[in-house]
Amino acid sequence: MSSSEIIQQRLNSRQTQALIVGVLGLVVWLVFGLRDTQQFFRSYIFAFMFWAAIPLGCLGILLLHHLTGGWWGYPIRRVVEAGTRTLPVVFILFLPLLWSLRITPVDHRLYLWAQPAVVAADPIIQFKSPYLNPGFFAVRAVIYFAIWILIASLLNKWSDEQDRTANPALKSRMSGLSGPGMVIFVVILTLAVVDWVMSLEPHWFSTMYGFIFLVTDGLAGLSFSILVVRGLSDQEPLKDCLPPKRFIDLGNMMLAMVLLWAYLSFSELLIIWAGNLKNEIPWYKERAFGAWAWVGAVLLIFHFFVPFFLLLQRRVKRRLVVLARVAALLFAVTLLDLYWIIVPAYDATAPQVHLQDLLGIIGLGGLWLGAFCWQYKKRPLLPLHDPRYEVALEHSHGD
C-alpha cells in the first residue's frame, strides 16, 4: 500500500470516528439540554469558542505565513488551509447562539442584555443597548463570518490554482491580500470576542481582550497543526521533506505566542488593578482569588512557565515528537484558559465541570474534526510549485 493510500485510509478512519462520536455526543447532550436549556447554552458558548478558536487561529497563521513568506509555514500550510475551509461549518455551529436569544425563556437567556427586565433596571446596559441588542448582534455575526470566509476562500482558491498551474504570480496575489487581510482579521476578531464573550458581563470591558483571544486562537491553531503533522510524519511526502531544523521555527513561533499571551494577560491585570475601578476589578477578583484561584495558578504554570522553559531548548524544537507533546499541552490548557474566562461570567461560585460542558466539547468537536478531515484529504499534504520553497527543498535532504 502506498503512502498516499495509507494517509487517505487514516483520514477516512479519523473522519468516520469523529463524526460518530460527535453525533452520539450531540444526541446525549440534547437529551440533557432539553431538561435544562439555560445550562445547555452556557455549555454551548464554552464549547463553541474552543472549537472556533482552531479555524480562526488557522486563518491568522495562514495570513501571517503569506505575509512573511517564511519557510516555517511550509509543513503546516495544508493543515491551516483545511482549517480555514471549515469556517462555514463553524458558522452553522454558531446559529444556536442566535436562536438562544429567541427560543429560551426570557429570564434564562445567555446574555443579560437580551433580558428585557434586566435592561429596564440597568442604566449601563440601557446605554449600551443600541449596540447590544439581538438584531444588531446577529447582523454583526453574519458580517464577521462573511469576511472571514471570503478571505479564506480567496487564499485557498489561489493556492489550489498554484498547485495546478505553477503560476508564480499567485504568490504575489496571496501576499497582497494578506497585508490588509491581517488588519481586517484582527479588528473583526476583536469585535467578535467582545460580542460573544465579553458581553456575557456587560458592565466589564478591557481594551486588551481581543489581543488575548488573538494569541489564544493562534496557539490553538498552531498547536493543532503541529499535532496533525506529527500524526502523518511517518509517511511520504512529509517523511523525507521535513528535516529536524525546519521545526525550530515552529517552536520559536510557539514560544513567541506563549510569551505574548503572558505579557498581555499580566498587562491587563496590572492596568485594571492599578486603575482600581469598581466595574473592572471584580472580573479578576472572581478568577484570581477564592475558589477559582487554583485554576489561575494552573494556567500560570502550564500555559507559561512549563512551555516557556521547554521551548527555550533547541533539542525540544528540533524533535517533532517532543515538540508535538508541548503542542498537546498548550492545546489542552487553551481549553482550560477559555473555561477560566467564560464560566465565571455566569457561575463564579466555584469551578465545577458540568456534564453538558463535556458533552458540548465532544459533540461539537466531533463534528468539527470530521469536517476538518474531509477538507484536509482533498489536497496534497504539501504545497506544489510555490517558488518560495523550491530552492529550500533542493537542499532539505542535506540539512
Protein backbone atom coordinates (compact mmCIF):
# COMPACT_ATOMS: atom_id res chain seq x y z
CA MET A 1 0.00 0.00 0.00
CA SER A 2 1.41 3.40 -1.00
CA SER A 3 1.91 6.31 1.41
CA SER A 4 -0.94 8.28 -0.16
CA GLU A 5 -3.30 5.34 0.27
CA ILE A 6 -2.25 4.90 3.90
CA ILE A 7 -2.81 8.60 4.58
CA GLN A 8 -6.22 8.54 2.90
CA GLN A 9 -7.14 5.47 4.90
CA ARG A 10 -6.10 7.16 8.15
CA LEU A 11 -8.00 10.34 7.39
CA ASN A 12 -11.12 8.42 6.34
CA SER A 13 -10.96 6.43 9.57
CA ARG A 14 -10.47 9.57 11.69
CA GLN A 15 -13.31 11.31 9.88
CA THR A 16 -15.71 8.43 10.48
CA GLN A 17 -14.71 8.09 14.12
CA ALA A 18 -15.03 11.85 14.75
CA LEU A 19 -18.47 12.07 13.16
CA ILE A 20 -19.78 9.03 15.05
CA VAL A 21 -18.51 10.36 18.38
CA GLY A 22 -19.77 13.84 17.55
CA VAL A 23 -23.27 12.74 16.61
CA LEU A 24 -23.58 10.47 19.66
CA GLY A 25 -22.31 13.28 21.89
CA LEU A 26 -24.83 15.73 20.44
CA VAL A 27 -27.72 13.31 20.86
CA VAL A 28 -26.91 12.69 24.53
CA TRP A 29 -26.27 16.40 25.03
CA LEU A 30 -29.66 17.33 23.59
CA VAL A 31 -31.37 14.88 25.96
CA PHE A 32 -29.87 16.73 28.92
CA GLY A 33 -30.19 20.12 27.24
CA LEU A 34 -33.95 19.84 26.80
CA ARG A 35 -34.24 19.46 30.56
CA ASP A 36 -32.04 22.46 31.32
CA THR A 37 -31.83 24.90 28.41
CA GLN A 38 -30.04 27.51 30.48
CA GLN A 39 -27.10 25.20 31.18
CA PHE A 40 -27.22 23.94 27.60
CA PHE A 41 -26.43 27.36 26.14
CA ARG A 42 -23.87 28.09 28.84
CA SER A 43 -22.07 24.91 27.85
CA TYR A 44 -22.60 25.71 24.19
CA ILE A 45 -20.78 29.05 24.25
CA PHE A 46 -17.83 27.41 26.02
CA ALA A 47 -17.58 24.50 23.57
CA PHE A 48 -18.18 26.72 20.55
CA MET A 49 -15.45 29.23 21.47
CA PHE A 50 -12.93 26.42 21.93
CA TRP A 51 -13.55 24.72 18.60
CA ALA A 52 -13.93 28.03 16.76
CA ALA A 53 -10.51 29.06 18.10
CA ILE A 54 -8.78 26.48 15.90
CA PRO A 55 -10.03 27.56 12.43
CA LEU A 56 -9.79 31.24 13.39
CA GLY A 57 -6.24 30.66 14.59
CA CYS A 58 -5.52 28.80 11.36
CA LEU A 59 -6.73 31.80 9.36
CA GLY A 60 -4.45 34.14 11.30
CA ILE A 61 -1.47 31.81 10.82
CA LEU A 62 -2.20 31.46 7.09
CA LEU A 63 -2.31 35.25 6.67
CA LEU A 64 0.93 35.62 8.62
CA HIS A 65 2.58 32.92 6.51
CA HIS A 66 1.70 34.57 3.21
CA LEU A 67 2.63 37.97 4.59
CA THR A 68 6.10 36.92 5.75
CA GLY A 69 6.80 34.12 3.28
CA GLY A 70 8.66 32.13 5.93
CA TRP A 71 9.66 28.50 5.41
CA TRP A 72 8.05 27.69 8.76
CA GLY A 73 4.65 27.70 7.05
CA TYR A 74 5.55 25.02 4.53
CA PRO A 75 4.90 21.89 6.65
CA ILE A 76 1.69 23.21 8.21
CA ARG A 77 0.21 25.19 5.32
CA ARG A 78 -2.14 22.46 4.15
CA VAL A 79 -3.34 21.96 7.73
CA VAL A 80 -4.17 25.62 8.28
CA GLU A 81 -5.76 25.88 4.84
CA ALA A 82 -8.02 22.93 5.62
CA GLY A 83 -8.80 24.51 8.99
CA THR A 84 -9.92 27.75 7.34
CA ARG A 85 -12.17 25.83 4.95
CA THR A 86 -14.20 24.64 7.96
CA LEU A 87 -15.34 28.20 8.74
CA PRO A 88 -18.73 27.65 7.00
CA VAL A 89 -19.26 24.73 9.40
CA VAL A 90 -18.30 26.98 12.32
CA PHE A 91 -20.91 29.49 11.15
CA ILE A 92 -23.58 26.79 11.17
CA LEU A 93 -22.49 25.81 14.68
CA PHE A 94 -22.85 29.47 15.70
CA LEU A 95 -26.54 29.62 14.75
CA PRO A 96 -27.82 28.05 18.02
CA LEU A 97 -26.37 31.04 19.88
CA LEU A 98 -28.58 33.29 17.76
CA TRP A 99 -31.56 31.06 18.38
CA SER A 100 -30.87 31.21 22.12
CA LEU A 101 -31.79 34.90 22.05
CA ARG A 102 -35.31 33.97 20.96
CA ILE A 103 -36.26 30.43 21.90
CA THR A 104 -35.11 30.32 25.53
CA PRO A 105 -37.20 31.78 28.37
CA VAL A 106 -36.55 35.49 28.70
CA ASP A 107 -35.01 35.20 32.17
CA HIS A 108 -32.80 32.25 31.11
CA ARG A 109 -31.14 33.85 28.11
CA LEU A 110 -27.37 33.56 27.98
CA TYR A 111 -26.76 37.29 27.64
CA LEU A 112 -28.07 39.72 30.25
CA TRP A 113 -28.55 42.41 27.61
CA ALA A 114 -31.06 40.09 25.89
CA GLN A 115 -33.26 40.01 29.02
CA PRO A 116 -35.71 42.97 28.87
CA ALA A 117 -36.28 43.02 32.63
CA VAL A 118 -32.55 43.31 33.32
CA VAL A 119 -32.11 46.03 30.71
CA ALA A 120 -35.00 48.04 32.11
CA ALA A 121 -33.41 48.06 35.58
CA ASP A 122 -29.81 48.72 34.50
CA PRO A 123 -28.79 52.18 33.17
CA ILE A 124 -25.39 50.93 31.97
CA ILE A 125 -26.89 48.19 29.80
CA GLN A 126 -29.52 50.65 28.56
CA PHE A 127 -26.72 52.95 27.42
CA LYS A 128 -25.13 50.06 25.51
CA SER A 129 -28.41 48.72 24.10
CA PRO A 130 -28.07 50.42 20.67
CA TYR A 131 -25.09 48.12 20.15
CA LEU A 132 -26.00 45.20 22.42
CA ASN A 133 -29.34 44.02 21.08
CA PRO A 134 -30.32 40.72 19.42
CA GLY A 135 -30.90 42.12 15.94
CA PHE A 136 -27.64 44.03 15.59
CA PHE A 137 -25.78 41.16 17.31
CA ALA A 138 -26.97 38.76 14.59
CA VAL A 139 -26.15 41.17 11.75
CA ARG A 140 -22.63 41.70 13.04
CA ALA A 141 -22.04 37.95 13.38
CA VAL A 142 -23.09 37.36 9.77
CA ILE A 143 -20.73 40.12 8.62
CA TYR A 144 -17.84 38.67 10.64
CA PHE A 145 -18.22 35.21 9.17
CA ALA A 146 -18.79 36.54 5.65
CA ILE A 147 -15.49 38.41 5.71
CA TRP A 148 -13.56 35.52 7.29
CA ILE A 149 -14.95 33.03 4.78
CA LEU A 150 -14.26 35.40 1.86
CA ILE A 151 -10.60 35.87 2.85
CA ALA A 152 -10.13 32.14 3.47
CA SER A 153 -11.84 31.23 0.18
CA LEU A 154 -9.62 33.53 -1.88
CA LEU A 155 -6.40 32.25 -0.28
CA ASN A 156 -7.48 28.63 -0.74
CA LYS A 157 -8.59 29.25 -4.32
CA TRP A 158 -5.28 30.81 -5.31
CA SER A 159 -3.32 28.10 -3.51
CA ASP A 160 -5.23 25.44 -5.43
CA GLU A 161 -4.57 27.27 -8.69
CA GLN A 162 -0.88 27.43 -7.83
CA ASP A 163 -0.82 23.65 -7.40
CA ARG A 164 -2.43 23.15 -10.80
CA THR A 165 -0.81 25.88 -12.90
CA ALA A 166 2.52 26.73 -11.18
CA ASN A 167 1.77 30.38 -11.90
CA PRO A 168 4.35 32.44 -9.89
CA ALA A 169 2.05 35.48 -9.90
CA LEU A 170 -0.29 33.74 -7.47
CA LYS A 171 2.30 34.06 -4.70
CA SER A 172 2.17 37.85 -5.01
CA ARG A 173 -1.60 37.75 -5.10
CA MET A 174 -1.79 35.83 -1.83
CA SER A 175 0.82 38.10 -0.22
CA GLY A 176 -1.01 41.20 -1.42
CA LEU A 177 -4.26 40.09 0.19
CA SER A 178 -2.61 39.04 3.44
CA GLY A 179 -1.44 42.53 4.43
CA PRO A 180 -4.84 44.24 4.61
CA GLY A 181 -6.40 40.87 5.38
CA MET A 182 -4.41 40.59 8.59
CA VAL A 183 -5.53 44.05 9.74
CA ILE A 184 -9.16 43.24 8.95
CA PHE A 185 -8.86 39.85 10.65
CA VAL A 186 -7.51 41.35 13.89
CA VAL A 187 -10.20 44.06 14.02
CA ILE A 188 -13.05 41.66 13.30
CA LEU A 189 -11.82 39.02 15.74
CA THR A 190 -11.65 41.70 18.44
CA LEU A 191 -15.22 42.76 17.73
CA ALA A 192 -16.39 39.16 17.65
CA VAL A 193 -14.97 38.18 21.05
CA VAL A 194 -16.35 41.40 22.54
CA ASP A 195 -19.78 40.45 21.21
CA TRP A 196 -19.72 36.74 22.01
CA VAL A 197 -17.74 36.54 25.25
CA MET A 198 -17.05 39.90 26.87
CA SER A 199 -20.72 40.91 26.61
CA LEU A 200 -21.57 38.00 28.92
CA GLU A 201 -20.58 40.55 31.58
CA PRO A 202 -21.81 43.81 30.03
CA HIS A 203 -20.50 46.02 32.84
CA TRP A 204 -16.91 44.90 32.31
CA PHE A 205 -14.56 45.84 29.50
CA SER A 206 -10.90 45.59 28.52
CA THR A 207 -9.02 47.04 25.58
CA MET A 208 -6.63 44.04 25.56
CA TYR A 209 -9.38 41.44 25.43
CA GLY A 210 -9.29 40.97 21.67
CA PHE A 211 -5.50 40.66 21.54
CA ILE A 212 -5.51 37.99 24.25
CA PHE A 213 -8.02 35.96 22.25
CA LEU A 214 -5.99 36.57 19.10
CA VAL A 215 -2.96 34.93 20.71
CA THR A 216 -5.08 32.19 22.31
CA ASP A 217 -6.63 31.31 18.94
CA GLY A 218 -3.21 31.43 17.28
CA LEU A 219 -1.82 28.99 19.84
CA ALA A 220 -4.79 26.68 19.35
CA GLY A 221 -4.36 26.72 15.56
CA LEU A 222 -0.58 26.27 15.67
CA SER A 223 -0.69 23.50 18.29
CA PHE A 224 -3.36 21.64 16.35
CA SER A 225 -1.36 21.97 13.12
CA ILE A 226 1.78 20.53 14.71
CA LEU A 227 -0.20 17.61 16.14
CA VAL A 228 -1.67 16.82 12.71
CA VAL A 229 1.74 16.95 11.00
CA ARG A 230 3.18 14.72 13.74
CA GLY A 231 0.45 12.16 13.15
CA LEU A 232 1.35 11.84 9.46
CA SER A 233 5.10 12.46 9.61
CA ASP A 234 5.93 8.77 9.19
CA GLN A 235 4.56 8.77 5.64
CA GLU A 236 5.59 10.42 2.38
CA PRO A 237 5.73 13.22 1.40
CA LEU A 238 6.20 14.51 4.96
CA LYS A 239 8.71 11.86 5.99
CA ASP A 240 11.66 12.96 3.83
CA CYS A 241 10.83 16.60 3.14
CA LEU A 242 10.90 17.89 6.71
CA PRO A 243 14.38 17.84 8.26
CA PRO A 244 14.56 18.47 12.04
CA LYS A 245 15.96 22.01 11.79
CA ARG A 246 12.83 23.14 9.94
CA PHE A 247 10.72 22.66 13.07
CA ILE A 248 12.84 25.09 15.09
CA ASP A 249 10.95 27.98 13.52
CA LEU A 250 7.61 26.47 14.54
CA GLY A 251 8.91 26.02 18.08
CA ASN A 252 10.15 29.61 18.15
CA MET A 253 6.80 30.81 16.90
CA MET A 254 5.05 28.85 19.63
CA LEU A 255 7.46 30.31 22.20
CA ALA A 256 6.71 33.83 20.96
CA MET A 257 2.97 33.23 21.34
CA VAL A 258 3.44 31.86 24.87
CA LEU A 259 5.42 34.97 25.82
CA LEU A 260 2.88 37.27 24.19
CA TRP A 261 0.00 35.56 25.98
CA ALA A 262 1.77 36.01 29.33
CA TYR A 263 2.66 39.63 28.58
CA LEU A 264 -0.86 40.62 27.52
CA SER A 265 -2.53 38.77 30.38
CA PHE A 266 -0.25 40.31 33.00
CA SER A 267 -0.52 43.78 31.45
CA GLU A 268 -4.31 43.59 31.52
CA LEU A 269 -4.27 42.55 35.18
CA LEU A 270 -1.75 45.26 36.11
CA ILE A 271 -3.63 48.07 34.37
CA ILE A 272 -7.02 47.06 35.75
CA TRP A 273 -5.68 46.56 39.27
CA ALA A 274 -3.80 49.87 39.23
CA GLY A 275 -6.89 51.66 37.92
CA ASN A 276 -8.86 50.48 40.96
CA LEU A 277 -12.19 50.82 39.18
CA LYS A 278 -15.15 49.02 40.72
CA ASN A 279 -16.55 47.84 37.37
CA GLU A 280 -13.28 46.25 36.27
CA ILE A 281 -11.60 44.72 39.34
CA PRO A 282 -14.41 42.21 40.19
CA TRP A 283 -13.66 40.32 36.96
CA TYR A 284 -10.23 39.42 38.32
CA LYS A 285 -11.34 39.05 41.93
CA GLU A 286 -13.69 36.27 40.86
CA ARG A 287 -10.99 34.46 38.86
CA ALA A 288 -7.71 35.14 40.66
CA PHE A 289 -8.87 34.70 44.26
CA GLY A 290 -11.06 32.32 46.22
CA ALA A 291 -12.33 29.13 44.66
CA TRP A 292 -11.05 29.93 41.17
CA ALA A 293 -7.51 30.81 42.26
CA TRP A 294 -6.13 27.31 41.68
CA VAL A 295 -7.31 27.40 38.04
CA GLY A 296 -5.39 30.62 37.52
CA ALA A 297 -2.33 29.04 39.17
CA VAL A 298 -2.53 26.01 36.84
CA LEU A 299 -2.72 28.34 33.84
CA LEU A 300 0.28 30.30 35.04
CA ILE A 301 2.35 27.14 35.40
CA PHE A 302 1.27 25.14 32.34
CA HIS A 303 0.34 27.96 29.97
CA PHE A 304 3.55 29.89 30.60
CA PHE A 305 6.32 28.53 32.82
CA VAL A 306 6.43 24.90 31.63
CA PRO A 307 6.16 25.56 27.85
CA PHE A 308 8.47 28.59 28.21
CA PHE A 309 11.34 26.60 29.67
CA LEU A 310 10.74 23.65 27.35
CA LEU A 311 10.67 25.80 24.20
CA LEU A 312 13.90 27.55 25.17
CA GLN A 313 15.68 24.26 24.48
CA ARG A 314 16.82 23.74 20.91
CA ARG A 315 16.64 19.96 21.16
CA VAL A 316 12.94 20.17 22.04
CA LYS A 317 12.21 22.22 18.94
CA ARG A 318 14.32 20.02 16.63
CA ARG A 319 12.45 16.84 17.53
CA LEU A 320 8.92 16.80 16.16
CA VAL A 321 7.78 14.10 18.57
CA VAL A 322 8.79 16.24 21.57
CA LEU A 323 7.51 19.48 20.06
CA ALA A 324 4.17 17.75 19.48
CA ARG A 325 3.96 16.94 23.20
CA VAL A 326 4.43 20.60 24.05
CA ALA A 327 1.77 21.42 21.44
CA ALA A 328 -0.60 18.92 23.07
CA LEU A 329 -0.03 20.58 26.45
CA LEU A 330 -0.79 24.03 25.06
CA PHE A 331 -3.84 22.72 23.22
CA ALA A 332 -5.21 21.31 26.49
CA VAL A 333 -4.51 24.43 28.55
CA THR A 334 -6.21 26.54 25.88
CA LEU A 335 -9.40 24.69 26.79
CA LEU A 336 -8.77 25.42 30.48
CA ASP A 337 -8.00 29.07 29.68
CA LEU A 338 -11.34 29.53 27.92
CA TYR A 339 -13.09 27.75 30.78
CA TRP A 340 -11.45 30.20 33.23
CA ILE A 341 -12.56 33.17 31.14
CA ILE A 342 -16.11 32.13 30.21
CA VAL A 343 -17.64 30.05 33.01
CA PRO A 344 -17.27 32.56 35.91
CA ALA A 345 -19.30 35.03 33.85
CA TYR A 346 -22.46 33.15 34.85
CA ASP A 347 -21.27 30.97 37.78
CA ALA A 348 -18.41 32.38 39.86
CA THR A 349 -19.10 30.31 43.00
CA ALA A 350 -16.56 27.54 42.34
CA PRO A 351 -15.06 25.64 39.39
CA GLN A 352 -17.17 22.66 38.51
CA VAL A 353 -17.32 20.76 35.25
CA HIS A 354 -20.92 20.22 34.26
CA LEU A 355 -21.77 17.09 32.26
CA GLN A 356 -23.13 19.30 29.49
CA ASP A 357 -19.73 21.03 29.25
CA LEU A 358 -18.08 17.70 28.45
CA LEU A 359 -20.83 16.67 26.05
CA GLY A 360 -20.54 20.02 24.28
CA ILE A 361 -16.79 19.63 23.78
CA ILE A 362 -17.28 16.08 22.50
CA GLY A 363 -20.30 16.83 20.29
CA LEU A 364 -19.09 19.99 18.58
CA GLY A 365 -15.54 18.65 18.48
CA GLY A 366 -16.56 15.50 16.66
CA LEU A 367 -18.43 17.46 14.01
CA TRP A 368 -15.61 19.95 13.51
CA LEU A 369 -12.90 17.29 13.37
CA GLY A 370 -14.96 15.33 10.86
CA ALA A 371 -15.26 18.43 8.68
CA PHE A 372 -11.53 19.09 9.01
CA CYS A 373 -10.55 15.56 7.93
CA TRP A 374 -12.91 15.84 4.96
CA GLN A 375 -11.22 19.06 3.85
CA TYR A 376 -7.66 18.00 4.64
CA LYS A 377 -7.71 14.91 2.45
CA LYS A 378 -8.86 16.87 -0.61
CA ARG A 379 -5.43 18.32 -1.46
CA PRO A 380 -1.76 17.25 -1.41
CA LEU A 381 -0.18 17.32 2.03
CA LEU A 382 2.44 19.84 0.90
CA PRO A 383 2.11 22.87 -1.42
CA LEU A 384 3.14 22.33 -5.03
CA HIS A 385 5.01 24.81 -7.25
CA ASP A 386 5.37 27.56 -4.68
CA PRO A 387 8.55 29.45 -5.68
CA ARG A 388 9.30 30.25 -2.04
CA TYR A 389 10.06 26.59 -1.31
CA GLU A 390 11.60 25.18 -4.46
CA VAL A 391 15.15 26.27 -3.61
CA ALA A 392 14.79 25.26 0.04
CA LEU A 393 13.53 21.81 -0.88
CA GLU A 394 16.56 21.19 -3.09
CA HIS A 395 18.75 21.41 0.00
CA SER A 396 16.36 19.88 2.55
CA HIS A 397 17.99 16.44 2.50
CA GLY A 398 21.36 17.95 3.21
CA ASP A 399 20.33 19.85 6.35
